[in-house]
N, C-alpha and C. Protein backbone atom coordinates (compact mmCIF):
# COMPACT_ATOMS: atom_id res chain seq x y z
N UNK A 1 46.07 156.23 116.74
CA UNK A 1 46.23 154.58 116.23
C UNK A 1 46.07 153.47 117.39
N UNK A 2 45.49 152.45 116.89
CA UNK A 2 45.02 151.62 118.09
C UNK A 2 46.10 150.47 117.78
N UNK A 3 45.89 149.29 118.65
CA UNK A 3 46.97 148.51 118.83
C UNK A 3 47.25 147.61 117.34
N UNK A 4 46.20 147.52 116.68
CA UNK A 4 46.09 146.69 115.62
C UNK A 4 46.88 147.45 114.26
N UNK A 5 46.74 148.74 114.36
CA UNK A 5 47.39 149.54 113.30
C UNK A 5 49.03 149.97 113.71
N UNK A 6 49.43 149.68 114.91
CA UNK A 6 50.42 150.26 114.97
C UNK A 6 51.61 149.07 114.62
N UNK A 7 52.40 149.46 114.01
CA UNK A 7 53.66 148.33 113.71
C UNK A 7 54.49 148.20 114.64
N UNK A 8 54.76 146.90 115.04
CA UNK A 8 55.77 146.73 115.78
C UNK A 8 57.31 147.10 115.34
N UNK A 9 58.00 147.50 116.06
CA UNK A 9 59.75 147.91 115.15
C UNK A 9 59.99 146.36 114.82
N UNK A 10 60.84 146.34 113.43
CA UNK A 10 61.67 144.84 113.32
C UNK A 10 62.59 144.89 113.82
N UNK A 11 63.00 143.64 114.44
CA UNK A 11 64.30 143.28 114.60
C UNK A 11 65.16 143.38 113.42
N UNK A 12 66.60 143.68 113.82
CA UNK A 12 67.25 143.66 113.20
C UNK A 12 68.33 142.20 113.01
N UNK A 13 68.42 141.55 112.05
CA UNK A 13 68.99 140.26 112.39
C UNK A 13 70.43 140.41 111.91
N UNK A 14 71.28 139.64 112.42
CA UNK A 14 72.70 139.88 112.37
C UNK A 14 73.82 138.49 112.57
N UNK A 15 75.16 138.47 111.77
CA UNK A 15 75.73 137.69 112.56
C UNK A 15 76.82 138.04 113.20
N UNK A 16 77.37 137.45 114.32
CA UNK A 16 78.48 137.68 115.12
C UNK A 16 79.33 136.72 115.41
N UNK A 17 80.41 136.81 115.80
CA UNK A 17 81.63 136.09 116.17
C UNK A 17 82.00 136.41 117.78
N UNK A 18 82.02 135.28 118.50
CA UNK A 18 82.14 135.41 119.95
C UNK A 18 83.35 134.32 120.32
N UNK A 19 84.13 134.20 120.99
CA UNK A 19 85.15 133.24 121.64
C UNK A 19 84.73 133.03 123.16
N UNK A 20 84.44 132.06 123.58
CA UNK A 20 84.02 131.83 124.91
C UNK A 20 84.59 130.36 125.52
N UNK A 21 84.51 130.42 126.82
CA UNK A 21 85.12 129.15 127.57
C UNK A 21 84.17 127.88 127.65
N UNK A 22 84.24 126.99 126.94
CA UNK A 22 82.98 125.84 127.38
C UNK A 22 83.13 125.46 128.51
N UNK A 23 81.99 124.71 128.61
CA UNK A 23 81.98 123.96 130.44
C UNK A 23 82.92 122.99 130.74
N UNK A 24 83.81 122.40 129.81
CA UNK A 24 84.72 121.77 129.89
C UNK A 24 86.30 122.48 130.19
N UNK A 25 86.16 123.57 129.66
CA UNK A 25 87.15 124.45 130.31
C UNK A 25 87.84 124.85 129.00
N UNK A 26 87.78 124.23 127.69
CA UNK A 26 87.81 124.28 126.42
C UNK A 26 87.61 125.85 125.75
N UNK A 27 88.24 126.47 125.29
CA UNK A 27 87.94 127.67 124.41
C UNK A 27 87.19 127.42 122.90
N UNK A 28 86.04 128.13 122.67
CA UNK A 28 85.59 127.80 121.36
C UNK A 28 85.06 129.07 120.66
N UNK A 29 85.26 129.16 119.26
CA UNK A 29 84.75 130.13 118.74
C UNK A 29 83.90 129.80 118.05
N UNK A 30 82.70 130.85 118.15
CA UNK A 30 81.43 130.34 117.39
C UNK A 30 80.90 131.91 116.79
N UNK A 31 80.59 131.30 115.59
CA UNK A 31 79.63 132.14 114.56
C UNK A 31 78.68 131.87 114.56
N UNK A 32 77.75 132.99 115.19
CA UNK A 32 76.05 132.79 115.32
C UNK A 32 75.07 133.95 114.93
N UNK A 33 74.08 133.58 114.63
CA UNK A 33 73.14 134.52 113.96
C UNK A 33 72.01 134.95 115.55
N UNK A 34 71.93 136.19 115.39
CA UNK A 34 70.83 136.39 116.53
C UNK A 34 70.32 137.93 116.00
N UNK A 35 69.35 138.49 116.90
CA UNK A 35 69.53 140.14 116.59
C UNK A 35 70.05 140.96 117.21
N UNK A 36 70.50 142.22 117.00
CA UNK A 36 71.19 143.21 117.15
C UNK A 36 70.53 143.73 118.81
N UNK A 37 69.07 143.56 118.74
CA UNK A 37 68.80 144.03 120.03
C UNK A 37 68.71 143.00 121.26
N UNK A 38 68.66 141.98 120.94
CA UNK A 38 68.92 140.63 121.70
C UNK A 38 70.00 140.58 122.20
N UNK A 39 71.27 140.55 121.51
CA UNK A 39 72.52 140.42 121.64
C UNK A 39 72.95 142.03 122.74
N UNK A 40 72.38 143.03 122.36
CA UNK A 40 72.93 144.13 123.11
C UNK A 40 72.26 144.16 124.49
N UNK A 41 71.01 143.65 124.62
CA UNK A 41 70.44 143.32 126.17
C UNK A 41 70.40 142.48 126.69
N UNK A 42 71.49 141.54 126.21
CA UNK A 42 71.52 140.07 127.10
C UNK A 42 72.61 140.17 128.07
N UNK A 43 72.36 139.42 129.47
CA UNK A 43 73.39 139.08 130.28
C UNK A 43 72.97 137.74 130.66
N UNK A 44 74.09 137.07 131.16
CA UNK A 44 74.29 135.65 131.44
C UNK A 44 74.12 135.17 130.31
N UNK A 45 73.24 134.57 130.15
CA UNK A 45 72.99 133.07 129.14
C UNK A 45 72.03 134.14 127.61
N UNK A 46 72.31 133.43 126.71
CA UNK A 46 71.31 133.75 125.33
C UNK A 46 71.65 132.69 124.56
N UNK A 47 70.26 132.54 124.30
CA UNK A 47 69.87 131.55 123.03
C UNK A 47 70.40 132.15 121.86
N UNK A 48 70.96 131.45 120.64
CA UNK A 48 71.46 131.96 119.38
C UNK A 48 71.43 130.53 118.14
N UNK A 49 71.66 131.01 117.13
CA UNK A 49 71.46 130.09 116.07
C UNK A 49 73.02 129.87 115.86
N UNK A 50 73.90 128.59 115.93
CA UNK A 50 75.00 128.53 115.89
C UNK A 50 74.86 128.27 113.83
N UNK A 51 75.78 129.22 113.19
CA UNK A 51 75.79 128.93 111.71
C UNK A 51 76.38 127.89 111.19
N UNK A 52 77.57 127.81 111.96
CA UNK A 52 78.75 126.21 111.28
C UNK A 52 77.83 125.25 111.74
N UNK A 53 77.47 124.73 113.06
CA UNK A 53 77.09 123.86 113.24
C UNK A 53 75.38 123.65 112.84
N UNK A 54 74.34 124.56 112.37
CA UNK A 54 72.93 124.74 112.10
C UNK A 54 72.14 124.31 113.04
N UNK A 55 72.41 124.56 114.35
CA UNK A 55 71.48 124.50 115.51
C UNK A 55 71.47 125.16 116.48
N UNK A 56 70.40 125.38 117.32
CA UNK A 56 70.26 126.45 118.42
C UNK A 56 71.20 125.92 119.29
N UNK A 57 71.89 127.00 120.33
CA UNK A 57 72.85 126.77 121.21
C UNK A 57 72.82 127.99 122.45
N UNK A 58 73.25 127.44 123.36
CA UNK A 58 73.40 128.79 124.66
C UNK A 58 74.44 128.99 124.75
N UNK A 59 74.78 130.73 124.66
CA UNK A 59 76.20 130.92 125.00
C UNK A 59 76.30 131.52 126.36
N UNK A 60 77.23 131.30 126.82
CA UNK A 60 77.46 132.29 128.39
C UNK A 60 77.99 133.13 128.21
N UNK A 61 77.38 134.46 128.56
CA UNK A 61 78.34 135.46 128.28
C UNK A 61 79.14 135.92 129.19
N UNK A 62 78.66 135.17 130.34
CA UNK A 62 80.39 135.47 131.45
C UNK A 62 81.37 134.45 131.22
N UNK A 63 81.71 133.48 130.27
CA UNK A 63 82.74 133.18 130.02
C UNK A 63 83.29 133.55 128.82
N UNK A 64 82.79 134.69 128.09
CA UNK A 64 83.61 135.65 127.00
C UNK A 64 85.04 135.69 127.29
N UNK A 65 85.31 135.60 126.04
CA UNK A 65 86.93 135.67 125.76
C UNK A 65 86.92 136.97 124.93
N UNK A 66 87.51 138.33 125.40
CA UNK A 66 87.14 139.49 124.54
C UNK A 66 85.63 139.68 124.63
N UNK A 67 85.32 140.18 123.25
CA UNK A 67 83.96 140.73 123.10
C UNK A 67 83.43 140.29 121.79
N UNK A 68 81.94 140.23 121.84
CA UNK A 68 80.97 139.92 120.57
C UNK A 68 81.78 140.88 119.44
N UNK A 69 81.83 140.52 118.33
CA UNK A 69 82.25 140.87 117.26
C UNK A 69 81.36 140.87 115.96
N UNK A 70 80.30 142.00 115.42
CA UNK A 70 79.62 141.73 114.37
C UNK A 70 80.05 141.54 112.95
N UNK A 71 79.51 140.66 112.45
CA UNK A 71 80.18 140.22 111.06
C UNK A 71 78.99 141.09 110.16
N UNK A 72 77.90 141.33 110.47
CA UNK A 72 77.06 142.01 109.33
C UNK A 72 75.99 142.44 110.66
N UNK A 73 75.59 143.36 109.49
CA UNK A 73 74.23 144.27 110.53
C UNK A 73 73.40 144.86 109.38
């Protein structure tokens, strides 16, 4: 097989919910969309789609309260 005929594995999109501490010190719970692979491999900051605000956001994984919970997979 050459590079053109090989198919790249598809990323699995899912929704998640996470609570974290914002820069101002207040907690926030965010429902967001990303790929399972990206969330699993992430360290530090991760760029996600905020489902409720309909905007791209950066989530600082170092300020998580608890863990990231998958809603769909």
